[in-house]
C-alpha atoms as a PDB file:
ATOM      1  CA  UNK A   1     -11.772  -2.979  17.702  1.00  0.00           C
ATOM      2  CA  UNK A   2      -9.642  -1.071  20.205  1.00  0.00           C
ATOM      3  CA  UNK A   3      -6.526  -1.326  18.064  1.00  0.00           C
ATOM      4  CA  UNK A   4      -8.314  -0.245  14.890  1.00  0.00           C
ATOM      5  CA  UNK A   5      -9.883   2.784  16.591  1.00  0.00           C
ATOM      6  CA  UNK A   6      -6.496   3.646  18.110  1.00  0.00           C
ATOM      7  CA  UNK A   7      -4.958   3.614  14.616  1.00  0.00           C
ATOM      8  CA  UNK A   8      -7.671   5.930  13.310  1.00  0.00           C
ATOM      9  CA  UNK A   9      -7.380   8.418  16.182  1.00  0.00           C
ATOM     10  CA  UNK A  10      -3.595   8.488  16.202  1.00  0.00           C
ATOM     11  CA  UNK A  11      -3.559   8.825  12.411  1.00  0.00           C
ATOM     12  CA  UNK A  12      -5.709  11.945  12.583  1.00  0.00           C
ATOM     13  CA  UNK A  13      -3.541  13.400  15.344  1.00  0.00           C
ATOM     14  CA  UNK A  14      -0.437  12.845  13.214  1.00  0.00           C
ATOM     15  CA  UNK A  15      -1.580  15.806  11.104  1.00  0.00           C
ATOM     16  CA  UNK A  16      -2.701  18.212  13.850  1.00  0.00           C
ATOM     17  CA  UNK A  17      -4.242  18.507  17.290  1.00  0.00           C
ATOM     18  CA  UNK A  18      -7.947  17.714  17.625  1.00  0.00           C
ATOM     19  CA  UNK A  19     -10.641  17.751  20.280  1.00  0.00           C
ATOM     20  CA  UNK A  20     -13.056  14.858  20.600  1.00  0.00           C
ATOM     21  CA  UNK A  21     -15.829  16.356  18.486  1.00  0.00           C
ATOM     22  CA  UNK A  22     -13.394  17.080  15.648  1.00  0.00           C
ATOM     23  CA  UNK A  23     -12.053  13.534  15.814  1.00  0.00           C
ATOM     24  CA  UNK A  24     -15.559  12.107  15.424  1.00  0.00           C
ATOM     25  CA  UNK A  25     -16.232  14.429  12.476  1.00  0.00           C
ATOM     26  CA  UNK A  26     -12.939  13.559  10.808  1.00  0.00           C
ATOM     27  CA  UNK A  27     -13.496   9.828  11.274  1.00  0.00           C
ATOM     28  CA  UNK A  28     -16.781  10.158   9.421  1.00  0.00           C
ATOM     29  CA  UNK A  29     -15.891  12.728   6.760  1.00  0.00           C
ATOM     30  CA  UNK A  30     -12.206  12.169   6.051  1.00  0.00           C
ATOM     31  CA  UNK A  31     -11.728   8.472   6.611  1.00  0.00           C
ATOM     32  CA  UNK A  32     -15.281   7.707   5.535  1.00  0.00           C
ATOM     33  CA  UNK A  33     -15.579   4.317   7.239  1.00  0.00           C
ATOM     34  CA  UNK A  34     -16.619   5.267  10.770  1.00  0.00           C
ATOM     35  CA  UNK A  35     -20.110   6.626  10.182  1.00  0.00           C
ATOM     36  CA  UNK A  36     -21.517   4.996  13.308  1.00  0.00           C
ATOM     37  CA  UNK A  37     -18.682   5.730  15.714  1.00  0.00           C
ATOM     38  CA  UNK A  38     -19.958   7.347  18.917  1.00  0.00           C
ATOM     39  CA  UNK A  39     -18.506   9.578  21.598  1.00  0.00           C
ATOM     40  CA  UNK A  40     -19.008   6.591  23.894  1.00  0.00           C
ATOM     41  CA  UNK A  41     -16.218   4.904  21.929  1.00  0.00           C
ATOM     42  CA  UNK A  42     -13.991   7.891  21.174  1.00  0.00           C
ATOM     43  CA  UNK A  43     -13.563   9.367  24.652  1.00  0.00           C
ATOM     44  CA  UNK A  44     -12.657   6.062  26.353  1.00  0.00           C
ATOM     45  CA  UNK A  45     -10.161   5.453  23.554  1.00  0.00           C
ATOM     46  CA  UNK A  46      -8.634   8.898  24.059  1.00  0.00           C
ATOM     47  CA  UNK A  47      -8.465   8.334  27.822  1.00  0.00           C
ATOM     48  CA  UNK A  48      -6.765   4.987  27.268  1.00  0.00           C
ATOM     49  CA  UNK A  49      -4.253   6.487  24.829  1.00  0.00           C
ATOM     50  CA  UNK A  50      -3.572   9.304  27.288  1.00  0.00           C
ATOM     51  CA  UNK A  51      -2.865   6.800  30.081  1.00  0.00           C
ATOM     52  CA  UNK A  52      -0.492   4.966  27.764  1.00  0.00           C
ATOM     53  CA  UNK A  53       1.389   8.193  27.032  1.00  0.00           C
ATOM     54  CA  UNK A  54       0.415   8.165  23.350  1.00  0.00           C
ATOM     55  CA  UNK A  55      -1.544  11.437  23.489  1.00  0.00           C
ATOM     56  CA  UNK A  56      -1.558  14.415  25.803  1.00  0.00           C
ATOM     57  CA  UNK A  57      -4.075  17.141  26.565  1.00  0.00           C
ATOM     58  CA  UNK A  58      -3.010  20.648  25.513  1.00  0.00           C
ATOM     59  CA  UNK A  59      -4.531  24.112  25.592  1.00  0.00           C
ATOM     60  CA  UNK A  60      -6.397  25.145  22.423  1.00  0.00           C
ATOM     61  CA  UNK A  61      -4.211  27.175  20.085  1.00  0.00           C
ATOM     62  CA  UNK A  62      -4.912  30.827  19.306  1.00  0.00           C
ATOM     63  CA  UNK A  63      -5.673  29.820  15.740  1.00  0.00           C
ATOM     64  CA  UNK A  64      -8.430  27.493  16.934  1.00  0.00           C
ATOM     65  CA  UNK A  65      -9.925  30.228  19.128  1.00  0.00           C
ATOM     66  CA  UNK A  66      -9.632  32.919  16.463  1.00  0.00           C
ATOM     67  CA  UNK A  67     -11.562  30.679  14.081  1.00  0.00           C
ATOM     68  CA  UNK A  68     -14.617  31.627  16.139  1.00  0.00           C
ATOM     69  CA  UNK A  69     -14.186  35.299  15.282  1.00  0.00           C
ATOM     70  CA  UNK A  70     -16.989  36.613  13.063  1.00  0.00           C
ATOM     71  CA  UNK A  71     -16.247  40.321  13.154  1.00  0.00           C
ATOM     72  CA  UNK A  72     -19.059  41.218  15.552  1.00  0.00           C
ATOM     73  CA  UNK A  73     -19.672  40.701  19.251  1.00  0.00           C
ATOM     74  CA  UNK A  74     -23.097  39.164  18.689  1.00  0.00           C
ATOM     75  CA  UNK A  75     -21.684  36.852  16.004  1.00  0.00           C
ATOM     76  CA  UNK A  76     -18.892  35.634  18.270  1.00  0.00           C
ATOM     77  CA  UNK A  77     -21.341  34.979  21.098  1.00  0.00           C
ATOM     78  CA  UNK A  78     -23.505  32.983  18.690  1.00  0.00           C
ATOM     79  CA  UNK A  79     -20.455  30.982  17.577  1.00  0.00           C
ATOM     80  CA  UNK A  80     -19.523  30.210  21.173  1.00  0.00           C
ATOM     81  CA  UNK A  81     -23.083  29.146  21.999  1.00  0.00           C
ATOM     82  CA  UNK A  82     -23.086  26.902  18.936  1.00  0.00           C
ATOM     83  CA  UNK A  83     -19.765  25.334  19.945  1.00  0.00           C
ATOM     84  CA  UNK A  84     -20.934  24.690  23.501  1.00  0.00           C
ATOM     85  CA  UNK A  85     -24.241  23.201  22.390  1.00  0.00           C
ATOM     86  CA  UNK A  86     -22.737  20.911  19.723  1.00  0.00           C
ATOM     87  CA  UNK A  87     -22.922  17.199  20.582  1.00  0.00           C
ATOM     88  CA  UNK A  88     -19.930  16.199  22.673  1.00  0.00           C
ATOM     89  CA  UNK A  89     -18.709  19.744  23.169  1.00  0.00           C
ATOM     90  CA  UNK A  90     -18.830  20.347  26.901  1.00  0.00           C
ATOM     91  CA  UNK A  91     -16.024  20.687  29.356  1.00  0.00           C
ATOM     92  CA  UNK A  92     -14.606  17.391  28.167  1.00  0.00           C
ATOM     93  CA  UNK A  93     -15.157  18.254  24.478  1.00  0.00           C
ATOM     94  CA  UNK A  94     -12.972  21.379  24.766  1.00  0.00           C
ATOM     95  CA  UNK A  95     -10.034  19.195  25.771  1.00  0.00           C
ATOM     96  CA  UNK A  96      -7.600  19.231  22.853  1.00  0.00           C
ATOM     97  CA  UNK A  97      -5.374  16.225  22.235  1.00  0.00           C
ATOM     98  CA  UNK A  98      -1.879  16.084  20.752  1.00  0.00           C
ATOM     99  CA  UNK A  99       0.038  12.989  19.747  1.00  0.00           C
ATOM    100  CA  UNK A 100       3.305  12.359  21.609  1.00  0.00           C
ATOM    101  CA  UNK A 101       6.548  10.863  20.322  1.00  0.00           C
ATOM    102  CA  UNK A 102       5.515   7.571  21.899  1.00  0.00           C
ATOM    103  CA  UNK A 103       2.164   7.860  20.155  1.00  0.00           C
ATOM    104  CA  UNK A 104       3.855   8.380  16.796  1.00  0.00           C
ATOM    105  CA  UNK A 105       5.917   5.249  17.298  1.00  0.00           C
ATOM    106  CA  UNK A 106       2.864   3.287  18.412  1.00  0.00           C
ATOM    107  CA  UNK A 107       0.863   4.508  15.424  1.00  0.00           C
ATOM    108  CA  UNK A 108       3.446   3.414  12.864  1.00  0.00           C
ATOM    109  CA  UNK A 109       3.796   0.032  14.589  1.00  0.00           C
ATOM    110  CA  UNK A 110       0.047  -0.581  14.602  1.00  0.00           C
ATOM    111  CA  UNK A 111      -0.399   0.675  11.049  1.00  0.00           C
ATOM    112  CA  UNK A 112       2.156  -1.790   9.706  1.00  0.00           C
ATOM    113  CA  UNK A 113       1.079  -4.716  11.905  1.00  0.00           C
ATOM    114  CA  UNK A 114      -0.423  -7.472   9.701  1.00  0.00           C
ATOM    115  CA  UNK A 115      -2.042  -9.067  12.758  1.00  0.00           C
ATOM    116  CA  UNK A 116      -4.736  -6.354  12.748  1.00  0.00           C
ATOM    117  CA  UNK A 117      -5.384  -6.521   9.001  1.00  0.00           C
ATOM    118  CA  UNK A 118      -8.385  -8.820   8.977  1.00  0.00           C
ATOM    119  CA  UNK A 119     -11.101  -7.234   6.838  1.00  0.00           C
ATOM    120  CA  UNK A 120     -11.772  -4.688   4.113  1.00  0.00           C
ATOM    121  CA  UNK A 121     -12.666  -1.963   6.634  1.00  0.00           C
ATOM    122  CA  UNK A 122      -9.305  -2.252   8.363  1.00  0.00           C
ATOM    123  CA  UNK A 123      -7.504  -2.258   5.027  1.00  0.00           C
ATOM    124  CA  UNK A 124      -9.372   0.845   3.861  1.00  0.00           C
ATOM    125  CA  UNK A 125      -8.338   2.625   7.049  1.00  0.00           C
ATOM    126  CA  UNK A 126      -4.687   1.727   6.497  1.00  0.00           C
ATOM    127  CA  UNK A 127      -4.797   2.885   2.887  1.00  0.00           C
ATOM    128  CA  UNK A 128      -6.328   6.201   3.953  1.00  0.00           C
ATOM    129  CA  UNK A 129      -3.318   6.677   6.273  1.00  0.00           C
ATOM    130  CA  UNK A 130      -0.705   4.997   4.064  1.00  0.00           C
ATOM    131  CA  UNK A 131       1.294   8.198   3.584  1.00  0.00           C
ATOM    132  CA  UNK A 132       2.733   7.509   7.041  1.00  0.00           C
ATOM    133  CA  UNK A 133       4.140   4.126   5.968  1.00  0.00           C
ATOM    134  CA  UNK A 134       7.506   3.603   4.332  1.00  0.00           C
ATOM    135  CA  UNK A 135       7.437   2.648   0.617  1.00  0.00           C
ATOM    136  CA  UNK A 136       8.257  -0.950   1.565  1.00  0.00           C
ATOM    137  CA  UNK A 137       5.531  -0.834   4.201  1.00  0.00           C
ATOM    138  CA  UNK A 138       2.968   0.236   1.617  1.00  0.00           C
ATOM    139  CA  UNK A 139       4.026  -2.518  -0.768  1.00  0.00           C
ATOM    140  CA  UNK A 140       3.822  -5.072   2.040  1.00  0.00           C
ATOM    141  CA  UNK A 141       0.339  -3.873   2.983  1.00  0.00           C
ATOM    142  CA  UNK A 142      -0.864  -4.145  -0.611  1.00  0.00           C
ATOM    143  CA  UNK A 143       0.710  -7.554  -1.130  1.00  0.00           C
ATOM    144  CA  UNK A 144      -0.967  -8.955   1.993  1.00  0.00           C
ATOM    145  CA  UNK A 145      -4.323  -7.585   0.896  1.00  0.00           C
ATOM    146  CA  UNK A 146      -3.819  -9.028  -2.587  1.00  0.00           C
ATOM    147  CA  UNK A 147      -3.127 -12.484  -1.156  1.00  0.00           C
ATOM    148  CA  UNK A 148      -6.323 -12.256   0.914  1.00  0.00           C
ATOM    149  CA  UNK A 149      -8.337 -11.263  -2.153  1.00  0.00           C
ATOM    150  CA  UNK A 150      -6.903 -14.075  -4.279  1.00  0.00           C
ATOM    151  CA  UNK A 151      -7.938 -16.572  -1.603  1.00  0.00           C
ATOM    152  CA  UNK A 152     -11.379 -14.966  -1.345  1.00  0.00           C
ATOM    153  CA  UNK A 153     -11.868 -15.068  -5.124  1.00  0.00           C
ATOM    154  CA  UNK A 154     -11.038 -18.782  -5.269  1.00  0.00           C
ATOM    155  CA  UNK A 155     -13.504 -19.412  -2.458  1.00  0.00           C
ATOM    156  CA  UNK A 156     -16.321 -17.486  -4.151  1.00  0.00           C
ATOM    157  CA  UNK A 157     -15.722 -19.091  -7.534  1.00  0.00           C
ATOM    158  CA  UNK A 158     -15.795 -22.531  -5.950  1.00  0.00           C
ATOM    159  CA  UNK A 159     -19.085 -21.665  -4.296  1.00  0.00           C
ATOM    160  CA  UNK A 160     -20.574 -20.485  -7.577  1.00  0.00           C
ATOM    161  CA  UNK A 161     -19.879 -23.907  -9.083  1.00  0.00           C
ATOM    162  CA  UNK A 162     -22.026 -25.624  -6.456  1.00  0.00           C
ATOM    163  CA  UNK A 163     -24.631 -27.555  -8.417  1.00  0.00           C
ATOM    164  CA  UNK A 164     -27.125 -27.255  -5.566  1.00  0.00           C
ATOM    165  CA  UNK A 165     -27.428 -23.489  -6.054  1.00  0.00           C
ATOM    166  CA  UNK A 166     -30.366 -22.138  -8.020  1.00  0.00           C
ATOM    167  CA  UNK A 167     -29.851 -19.431 -10.631  1.00  0.00           C
ATOM    168  CA  UNK A 168     -30.514 -16.603  -8.185  1.00  0.00           C
ATOM    169  CA  UNK A 169     -28.051 -17.793  -5.559  1.00  0.00           C
ATOM    170  CA  UNK A 170     -25.487 -18.487  -8.265  1.00  0.00           C
ATOM    171  CA  UNK A 171     -25.992 -14.974  -9.604  1.00  0.00           C
ATOM    172  CA  UNK A 172     -25.223 -13.537  -6.175  1.00  0.00           C
ATOM    173  CA  UNK A 173     -22.008 -15.561  -5.982  1.00  0.00           C
ATOM    174  CA  UNK A 174     -20.961 -14.452  -9.450  1.00  0.00           C
ATOM    175  CA  UNK A 175     -21.652 -10.840  -8.526  1.00  0.00           C
ATOM    176  CA  UNK A 176     -19.475 -11.269  -5.416  1.00  0.00           C
ATOM    177  CA  UNK A 177     -16.681 -12.689  -7.579  1.00  0.00           C
ATOM    178  CA  UNK A 178     -16.861  -9.674  -9.878  1.00  0.00           C
ATOM    179  CA  UNK A 179     -16.536  -7.381  -6.867  1.00  0.00           C
ATOM    180  CA  UNK A 180     -13.410  -9.195  -5.689  1.00  0.00           C
ATOM    181  CA  UNK A 181     -11.959  -9.030  -9.205  1.00  0.00           C
ATOM    182  CA  UNK A 182     -12.466  -5.253  -9.235  1.00  0.00           C
ATOM    183  CA  UNK A 183     -10.711  -4.978  -5.876  1.00  0.00           C
ATOM    184  CA  UNK A 184      -7.835  -7.072  -7.211  1.00  0.00           C
ATOM    185  CA  UNK A 185      -7.480  -4.843 -10.271  1.00  0.00           C
ATOM    186  CA  UNK A 186      -7.360  -1.785  -7.993  1.00  0.00           C
ATOM    187  CA  UNK A 187      -4.727  -3.390  -5.765  1.00  0.00           C
ATOM    188  CA  UNK A 188      -2.629  -4.366  -8.794  1.00  0.00           C
ATOM    189  CA  UNK A 189      -2.716  -0.767 -10.056  1.00  0.00           C
ATOM    190  CA  UNK A 190      -1.633   0.530  -6.655  1.00  0.00           C
ATOM    191  CA  UNK A 191       1.160  -2.034  -6.441  1.00  0.00           C
ATOM    192  CA  UNK A 192       2.375  -1.115  -9.905  1.00  0.00           C
ATOM    193  CA  UNK A 193       2.446   2.571  -8.979  1.00  0.00           C
ATOM    194  CA  UNK A 194       4.276   1.936  -5.685  1.00  0.00           C
ATOM    195  CA  UNK A 195       6.907  -0.253  -7.337  1.00  0.00           C
ATOM    196  CA  UNK A 196       7.372   2.258 -10.114  1.00  0.00           C
ATOM    197  CA  UNK A 197       7.905   5.003  -7.538  1.00  0.00           C
ATOM    198  CA  UNK A 198      10.460   2.881  -5.710  1.00  0.00           C
ATOM    199  CA  UNK A 199      12.356   2.298  -8.938  1.00  0.00           C
ATOM    200  CA  UNK A 200      12.308   6.033  -9.675  1.00  0.00           C
ATOM    201  CA  UNK A 201      13.611   6.877  -6.195  1.00  0.00           C
ATOM    202  CA  UNK A 202      16.345   4.260  -6.494  1.00  0.00           C
ATOM    203  CA  UNK A 203      17.371   5.637  -9.895  1.00  0.00           C
ATOM    204  CA  UNK A 204      17.458   9.230  -8.648  1.00  0.00           C
ATOM    205  CA  UNK A 205      19.542   8.194  -5.652  1.00  0.00           C
ATOM    206  CA  UNK A 206      22.355   6.875  -7.855  1.00  0.00           C
END
């Protein structure tokens, strides 16, 4: 869990600096697979990454502060009160984090590490951040996921042939097989697109 959350946090920081509340929002809204993540998980992870030298605390930028401007004194005071009262936005919440060079290296290493690719949630996270992988890294990620799905499909189909299953249980297994087949078709389309892009880049480089 630690490594997967580290990947998600570092991936968000690859694009721009964030404070803890923004990270939680982005995990839920942008990556879409961390709906239940809590500040009790995010802040310890940020503290751990800071100790490791992967992130550093920085002062908020002028752009972040000017985003509070509403054109009126009363409006700006209301914005500040709203920011301070938002969940997780206290003294600690105003701490803005930036990824370091070491953090960038760590992120790419973790993102490409097959040892942490063990379920669909982890794969979805990697695909959401796949722009940071090399073309070969993306192909490798997709090929590993495809192999996992092929094995899963064989397992589900074998289960559906179990003569001890009643029609309802067999229907559930067949539905599961259809879901895996859809995932495989999606992976195959992505692999085809990645390989086609590689061929185009290789041709243009000549």
